[in-house]
C-alpha atoms as a PDB file:
ATOM      1  CA  UNK A   1      -0.032  -0.010   0.013  1.00  0.00           C
ATOM      2  CA  UNK A   2       1.295   3.411  -0.983  1.00  0.00           C
ATOM      3  CA  UNK A   3       2.203   5.819   1.899  1.00  0.00           C
ATOM      4  CA  UNK A   4       0.362   8.577  -0.124  1.00  0.00           C
ATOM      5  CA  UNK A   5      -2.818   6.572   0.091  1.00  0.00           C
ATOM      6  CA  UNK A   6      -2.332   5.959   3.753  1.00  0.00           C
ATOM      7  CA  UNK A   7      -1.669   9.583   4.423  1.00  0.00           C
ATOM      8  CA  UNK A   8      -4.684  10.601   2.464  1.00  0.00           C
ATOM      9  CA  UNK A   9      -6.910   8.153   4.371  1.00  0.00           C
ATOM     10  CA  UNK A  10      -5.611   9.462   7.724  1.00  0.00           C
ATOM     11  CA  UNK A  11      -6.235  13.048   6.659  1.00  0.00           C
ATOM     12  CA  UNK A  12      -9.804  12.236   5.440  1.00  0.00           C
ATOM     13  CA  UNK A  13     -10.707  10.510   8.772  1.00  0.00           C
ATOM     14  CA  UNK A  14      -9.126  13.434  10.831  1.00  0.00           C
ATOM     15  CA  UNK A  15      -6.482  11.087  12.033  1.00  0.00           C
ATOM     16  CA  UNK A  16      -8.887   8.737  13.601  1.00  0.00           C
ATOM     17  CA  UNK A  17      -7.097   5.282  13.457  1.00  0.00           C
ATOM     18  CA  UNK A  18     -10.316   3.184  13.568  1.00  0.00           C
ATOM     19  CA  UNK A  19     -11.997   5.127  10.724  1.00  0.00           C
ATOM     20  CA  UNK A  20      -8.750   4.908   8.764  1.00  0.00           C
ATOM     21  CA  UNK A  21      -8.541   1.138   9.196  1.00  0.00           C
ATOM     22  CA  UNK A  22     -12.159   0.683   8.093  1.00  0.00           C
ATOM     23  CA  UNK A  23     -11.771   2.957   5.086  1.00  0.00           C
ATOM     24  CA  UNK A  24      -8.528   1.202   3.980  1.00  0.00           C
ATOM     25  CA  UNK A  25     -10.084  -2.190   4.583  1.00  0.00           C
ATOM     26  CA  UNK A  26     -13.119  -1.269   2.335  1.00  0.00           C
ATOM     27  CA  UNK A  27     -10.666  -0.055  -0.250  1.00  0.00           C
ATOM     28  CA  UNK A  28      -8.633  -3.142  -0.075  1.00  0.00           C
ATOM     29  CA  UNK A  29     -11.848  -5.390  -0.354  1.00  0.00           C
ATOM     30  CA  UNK A  30     -13.043  -3.515  -3.441  1.00  0.00           C
ATOM     31  CA  UNK A  31      -9.755  -3.774  -5.058  1.00  0.00           C
ATOM     32  CA  UNK A  32      -9.611  -7.436  -4.408  1.00  0.00           C
ATOM     33  CA  UNK A  33     -13.246  -7.837  -5.912  1.00  0.00           C
ATOM     34  CA  UNK A  34     -12.326  -5.851  -8.895  1.00  0.00           C
ATOM     35  CA  UNK A  35      -8.946  -7.704  -9.630  1.00  0.00           C
ATOM     36  CA  UNK A  36     -10.290 -11.260  -8.731  1.00  0.00           C
ATOM     37  CA  UNK A  37     -13.620 -10.912 -10.585  1.00  0.00           C
ATOM     38  CA  UNK A  38     -14.843 -14.297 -11.645  1.00  0.00           C
ATOM     39  CA  UNK A  39     -11.346 -15.669 -12.430  1.00  0.00           C
ATOM     40  CA  UNK A  40     -11.128 -17.692  -9.156  1.00  0.00           C
ATOM     41  CA  UNK A  41     -11.292 -21.410  -9.677  1.00  0.00           C
ATOM     42  CA  UNK A  42     -12.618 -23.472  -6.847  1.00  0.00           C
ATOM     43  CA  UNK A  43     -12.129 -27.257  -6.725  1.00  0.00           C
ATOM     44  CA  UNK A  44     -15.427 -28.963  -7.116  1.00  0.00           C
ATOM     45  CA  UNK A  45     -15.267 -30.683  -3.717  1.00  0.00           C
ATOM     46  CA  UNK A  46     -14.460 -27.332  -1.958  1.00  0.00           C
ATOM     47  CA  UNK A  47     -16.738 -24.307  -1.683  1.00  0.00           C
ATOM     48  CA  UNK A  48     -15.236 -20.688  -1.885  1.00  0.00           C
ATOM     49  CA  UNK A  49     -14.111 -19.204   1.404  1.00  0.00           C
ATOM     50  CA  UNK A  50     -16.004 -16.008   2.060  1.00  0.00           C
ATOM     51  CA  UNK A  51     -14.112 -12.806   2.614  1.00  0.00           C
ATOM     52  CA  UNK A  52     -15.641 -11.175   5.761  1.00  0.00           C
ATOM     53  CA  UNK A  53     -19.471 -11.314   5.359  1.00  0.00           C
ATOM     54  CA  UNK A  54     -21.079 -13.170   8.308  1.00  0.00           C
ATOM     55  CA  UNK A  55     -23.984 -14.248   6.116  1.00  0.00           C
ATOM     56  CA  UNK A  56     -21.642 -15.929   3.704  1.00  0.00           C
ATOM     57  CA  UNK A  57     -19.868 -17.797   6.587  1.00  0.00           C
ATOM     58  CA  UNK A  58     -23.402 -18.899   7.896  1.00  0.00           C
ATOM     59  CA  UNK A  59     -24.455 -20.097   4.477  1.00  0.00           C
ATOM     60  CA  UNK A  60     -21.125 -22.057   4.022  1.00  0.00           C
ATOM     61  CA  UNK A  61     -21.455 -23.773   7.430  1.00  0.00           C
ATOM     62  CA  UNK A  62     -25.229 -24.752   6.802  1.00  0.00           C
ATOM     63  CA  UNK A  63     -24.375 -25.856   3.222  1.00  0.00           C
ATOM     64  CA  UNK A  64     -21.478 -28.108   4.513  1.00  0.00           C
ATOM     65  CA  UNK A  65     -23.458 -29.549   7.509  1.00  0.00           C
ATOM     66  CA  UNK A  66     -26.575 -30.284   5.242  1.00  0.00           C
ATOM     67  CA  UNK A  67     -24.567 -32.308   2.776  1.00  0.00           C
ATOM     68  CA  UNK A  68     -23.065 -34.502   5.510  1.00  0.00           C
ATOM     69  CA  UNK A  69     -23.688 -38.261   5.615  1.00  0.00           C
ATOM     70  CA  UNK A  70     -22.474 -39.036   9.105  1.00  0.00           C
ATOM     71  CA  UNK A  71     -21.397 -37.383  12.328  1.00  0.00           C
ATOM     72  CA  UNK A  72     -17.584 -37.950  11.422  1.00  0.00           C
ATOM     73  CA  UNK A  73     -18.225 -36.278   8.037  1.00  0.00           C
ATOM     74  CA  UNK A  74     -19.978 -33.384   9.759  1.00  0.00           C
ATOM     75  CA  UNK A  75     -16.922 -33.058  12.184  1.00  0.00           C
ATOM     76  CA  UNK A  76     -14.488 -32.987   9.404  1.00  0.00           C
ATOM     77  CA  UNK A  77     -16.425 -30.526   7.420  1.00  0.00           C
ATOM     78  CA  UNK A  78     -16.950 -28.364  10.312  1.00  0.00           C
ATOM     79  CA  UNK A  79     -13.235 -28.476  11.141  1.00  0.00           C
ATOM     80  CA  UNK A  80     -12.483 -27.535   7.493  1.00  0.00           C
ATOM     81  CA  UNK A  81     -14.829 -24.614   7.654  1.00  0.00           C
ATOM     82  CA  UNK A  82     -13.388 -23.515  10.860  1.00  0.00           C
ATOM     83  CA  UNK A  83      -9.897 -23.663   9.611  1.00  0.00           C
ATOM     84  CA  UNK A  84     -11.040 -21.490   6.648  1.00  0.00           C
ATOM     85  CA  UNK A  85     -12.684 -19.068   9.111  1.00  0.00           C
ATOM     86  CA  UNK A  86      -9.424 -18.958  11.138  1.00  0.00           C
ATOM     87  CA  UNK A  87      -7.326 -18.347   8.016  1.00  0.00           C
ATOM     88  CA  UNK A  88      -9.762 -15.492   7.037  1.00  0.00           C
ATOM     89  CA  UNK A  89      -9.599 -13.937  10.406  1.00  0.00           C
ATOM     90  CA  UNK A  90      -5.913 -14.178  10.445  1.00  0.00           C
ATOM     91  CA  UNK A  91      -5.505 -12.620   7.105  1.00  0.00           C
ATOM     92  CA  UNK A  92      -7.890  -9.847   8.252  1.00  0.00           C
ATOM     93  CA  UNK A  93      -5.824  -9.337  11.412  1.00  0.00           C
ATOM     94  CA  UNK A  94      -2.576  -9.198   9.333  1.00  0.00           C
ATOM     95  CA  UNK A  95      -4.020  -6.619   7.026  1.00  0.00           C
ATOM     96  CA  UNK A  96      -5.305  -4.605   9.824  1.00  0.00           C
ATOM     97  CA  UNK A  97      -1.845  -4.983  11.571  1.00  0.00           C
ATOM     98  CA  UNK A  98      -0.153  -3.802   8.435  1.00  0.00           C
ATOM     99  CA  UNK A  99      -2.513  -0.816   8.216  1.00  0.00           C
ATOM    100  CA  UNK A 100      -1.808   0.106  11.776  1.00  0.00           C
ATOM    101  CA  UNK A 101       1.989  -0.231  11.405  1.00  0.00           C
ATOM    102  CA  UNK A 102       1.930   2.100   8.376  1.00  0.00           C
ATOM    103  CA  UNK A 103      -0.291   4.485  10.162  1.00  0.00           C
ATOM    104  CA  UNK A 104       2.017   4.422  13.247  1.00  0.00           C
ATOM    105  CA  UNK A 105       4.978   4.931  11.038  1.00  0.00           C
ATOM    106  CA  UNK A 106       3.239   7.945   9.372  1.00  0.00           C
ATOM    107  CA  UNK A 107       2.210   9.375  12.665  1.00  0.00           C
ATOM    108  CA  UNK A 108       5.823   8.964  14.056  1.00  0.00           C
ATOM    109  CA  UNK A 109       7.213  10.597  11.058  1.00  0.00           C
ATOM    110  CA  UNK A 110       4.853  13.537  11.432  1.00  0.00           C
ATOM    111  CA  UNK A 111       5.649  13.664  15.050  1.00  0.00           C
ATOM    112  CA  UNK A 112       9.446  13.841  14.262  1.00  0.00           C
ATOM    113  CA  UNK A 113       8.736  16.659  11.766  1.00  0.00           C
ATOM    114  CA  UNK A 114       6.611  18.555  14.371  1.00  0.00           C
ATOM    115  CA  UNK A 115       9.420  18.021  17.032  1.00  0.00           C
ATOM    116  CA  UNK A 116      11.814  19.496  14.551  1.00  0.00           C
ATOM    117  CA  UNK A 117       9.799  22.428  13.781  1.00  0.00           C
ATOM    118  CA  UNK A 118       9.226  22.945  17.500  1.00  0.00           C
ATOM    119  CA  UNK A 119      12.993  22.820  18.228  1.00  0.00           C
ATOM    120  CA  UNK A 120      13.520  25.391  15.345  1.00  0.00           C
ATOM    121  CA  UNK A 121      10.697  27.632  16.662  1.00  0.00           C
ATOM    122  CA  UNK A 122      12.260  27.545  20.105  1.00  0.00           C
ATOM    123  CA  UNK A 123      15.721  28.448  18.599  1.00  0.00           C
ATOM    124  CA  UNK A 124      14.141  31.384  16.746  1.00  0.00           C
ATOM    125  CA  UNK A 125      12.456  32.700  19.798  1.00  0.00           C
ATOM    126  CA  UNK A 126      15.666  32.665  21.632  1.00  0.00           C
ATOM    127  CA  UNK A 127      17.458  34.526  18.760  1.00  0.00           C
ATOM    128  CA  UNK A 128      14.618  37.058  18.683  1.00  0.00           C
ATOM    129  CA  UNK A 129      15.011  37.586  22.467  1.00  0.00           C
ATOM    130  CA  UNK A 130      18.788  38.003  22.068  1.00  0.00           C
ATOM    131  CA  UNK A 131      18.364  40.486  19.221  1.00  0.00           C
ATOM    132  CA  UNK A 132      15.717  42.491  21.131  1.00  0.00           C
ATOM    133  CA  UNK A 133      18.188  42.627  24.087  1.00  0.00           C
ATOM    134  CA  UNK A 134      20.999  43.664  21.775  1.00  0.00           C
ATOM    135  CA  UNK A 135      18.705  46.323  20.285  1.00  0.00           C
ATOM    136  CA  UNK A 136      17.781  47.659  23.714  1.00  0.00           C
ATOM    137  CA  UNK A 137      21.503  47.806  24.618  1.00  0.00           C
ATOM    138  CA  UNK A 138      22.348  49.623  21.373  1.00  0.00           C
ATOM    139  CA  UNK A 139      19.445  52.131  21.846  1.00  0.00           C
ATOM    140  CA  UNK A 140      20.804  52.996  25.294  1.00  0.00           C
ATOM    141  CA  UNK A 141      24.176  53.323  23.979  1.00  0.00           C
ATOM    142  CA  UNK A 142      23.032  55.532  21.146  1.00  0.00           C
ATOM    143  CA  UNK A 143      21.062  57.661  23.709  1.00  0.00           C
ATOM    144  CA  UNK A 144      24.223  58.042  25.850  1.00  0.00           C
ATOM    145  CA  UNK A 145      26.295  58.971  22.928  1.00  0.00           C
ATOM    146  CA  UNK A 146      23.777  61.493  21.685  1.00  0.00           C
ATOM    147  CA  UNK A 147      23.812  63.156  25.277  1.00  0.00           C
ATOM    148  CA  UNK A 148      27.738  63.232  25.214  1.00  0.00           C
ATOM    149  CA  UNK A 149      27.619  64.783  21.720  1.00  0.00           C
ATOM    150  CA  UNK A 150      25.164  67.508  22.678  1.00  0.00           C
ATOM    151  CA  UNK A 151      27.233  68.298  25.801  1.00  0.00           C
ATOM    152  CA  UNK A 152      30.324  68.450  23.824  1.00  0.00           C
ATOM    153  CA  UNK A 153      28.758  70.687  21.140  1.00  0.00           C
ATOM    154  CA  UNK A 154      27.361  73.056  23.848  1.00  0.00           C
ATOM    155  CA  UNK A 155      30.758  73.190  25.551  1.00  0.00           C
ATOM    156  CA  UNK A 156      32.609  73.741  22.375  1.00  0.00           C
ATOM    157  CA  UNK A 157      30.175  76.214  20.670  1.00  0.00           C
ATOM    158  CA  UNK A 158      32.260  79.116  21.557  1.00  0.00           C
ATOM    159  CA  UNK A 159      35.246  77.619  19.494  1.00  0.00           C
ATOM    160  CA  UNK A 160      33.254  76.318  16.516  1.00  0.00           C
ATOM    161  CA  UNK A 161      31.474  78.432  13.952  1.00  0.00           C
ATOM    162  CA  UNK A 162      27.840  77.831  13.582  1.00  0.00           C
ATOM    163  CA  UNK A 163      26.632  75.459  10.744  1.00  0.00           C
ATOM    164  CA  UNK A 164      29.748  73.672  10.381  1.00  0.00           C
ATOM    165  CA  UNK A 165      28.412  70.342  11.542  1.00  0.00           C
ATOM    166  CA  UNK A 166      26.129  67.913   9.663  1.00  0.00           C
ATOM    167  CA  UNK A 167      22.543  68.455  10.851  1.00  0.00           C
ATOM    168  CA  UNK A 168      22.070  64.806  11.011  1.00  0.00           C
ATOM    169  CA  UNK A 169      24.580  64.353  13.707  1.00  0.00           C
ATOM    170  CA  UNK A 170      23.102  66.761  15.973  1.00  0.00           C
END
């Protein structure tokens, strides 16, 4: 299964794992029905094993038990049906397990991305705080230098002709 399909299914279900599993299972079942079609060949003495439909399993059990000739035959047929049911359930669990593993991997990958972004954000906040502190220090420095310049200009105004300084400096 493609990770893009898994990611899209997770997004469509608002990251609800149960809903994602259900939608992916339905997608998988419809893909199986389309690809398998009527091309399946079943031996004549064996009936097809139903996918997940409860009614199909009931019909299979009843069909097998009705055609029994003896108790031993019924036991053998019931055991065969139960083994098929067990395999079907096991396959369903394996499919769900794979979907869950992929979902967990996708979620872990997203979590790693979010943690990386969170770390980057914290670093940027620290840089902003440092820059703001540096700006404040420079503004205080600038204010002090302006005061010293004005005092120096006032003290030296007797010796310097008016208009000889750049107006931006004053």
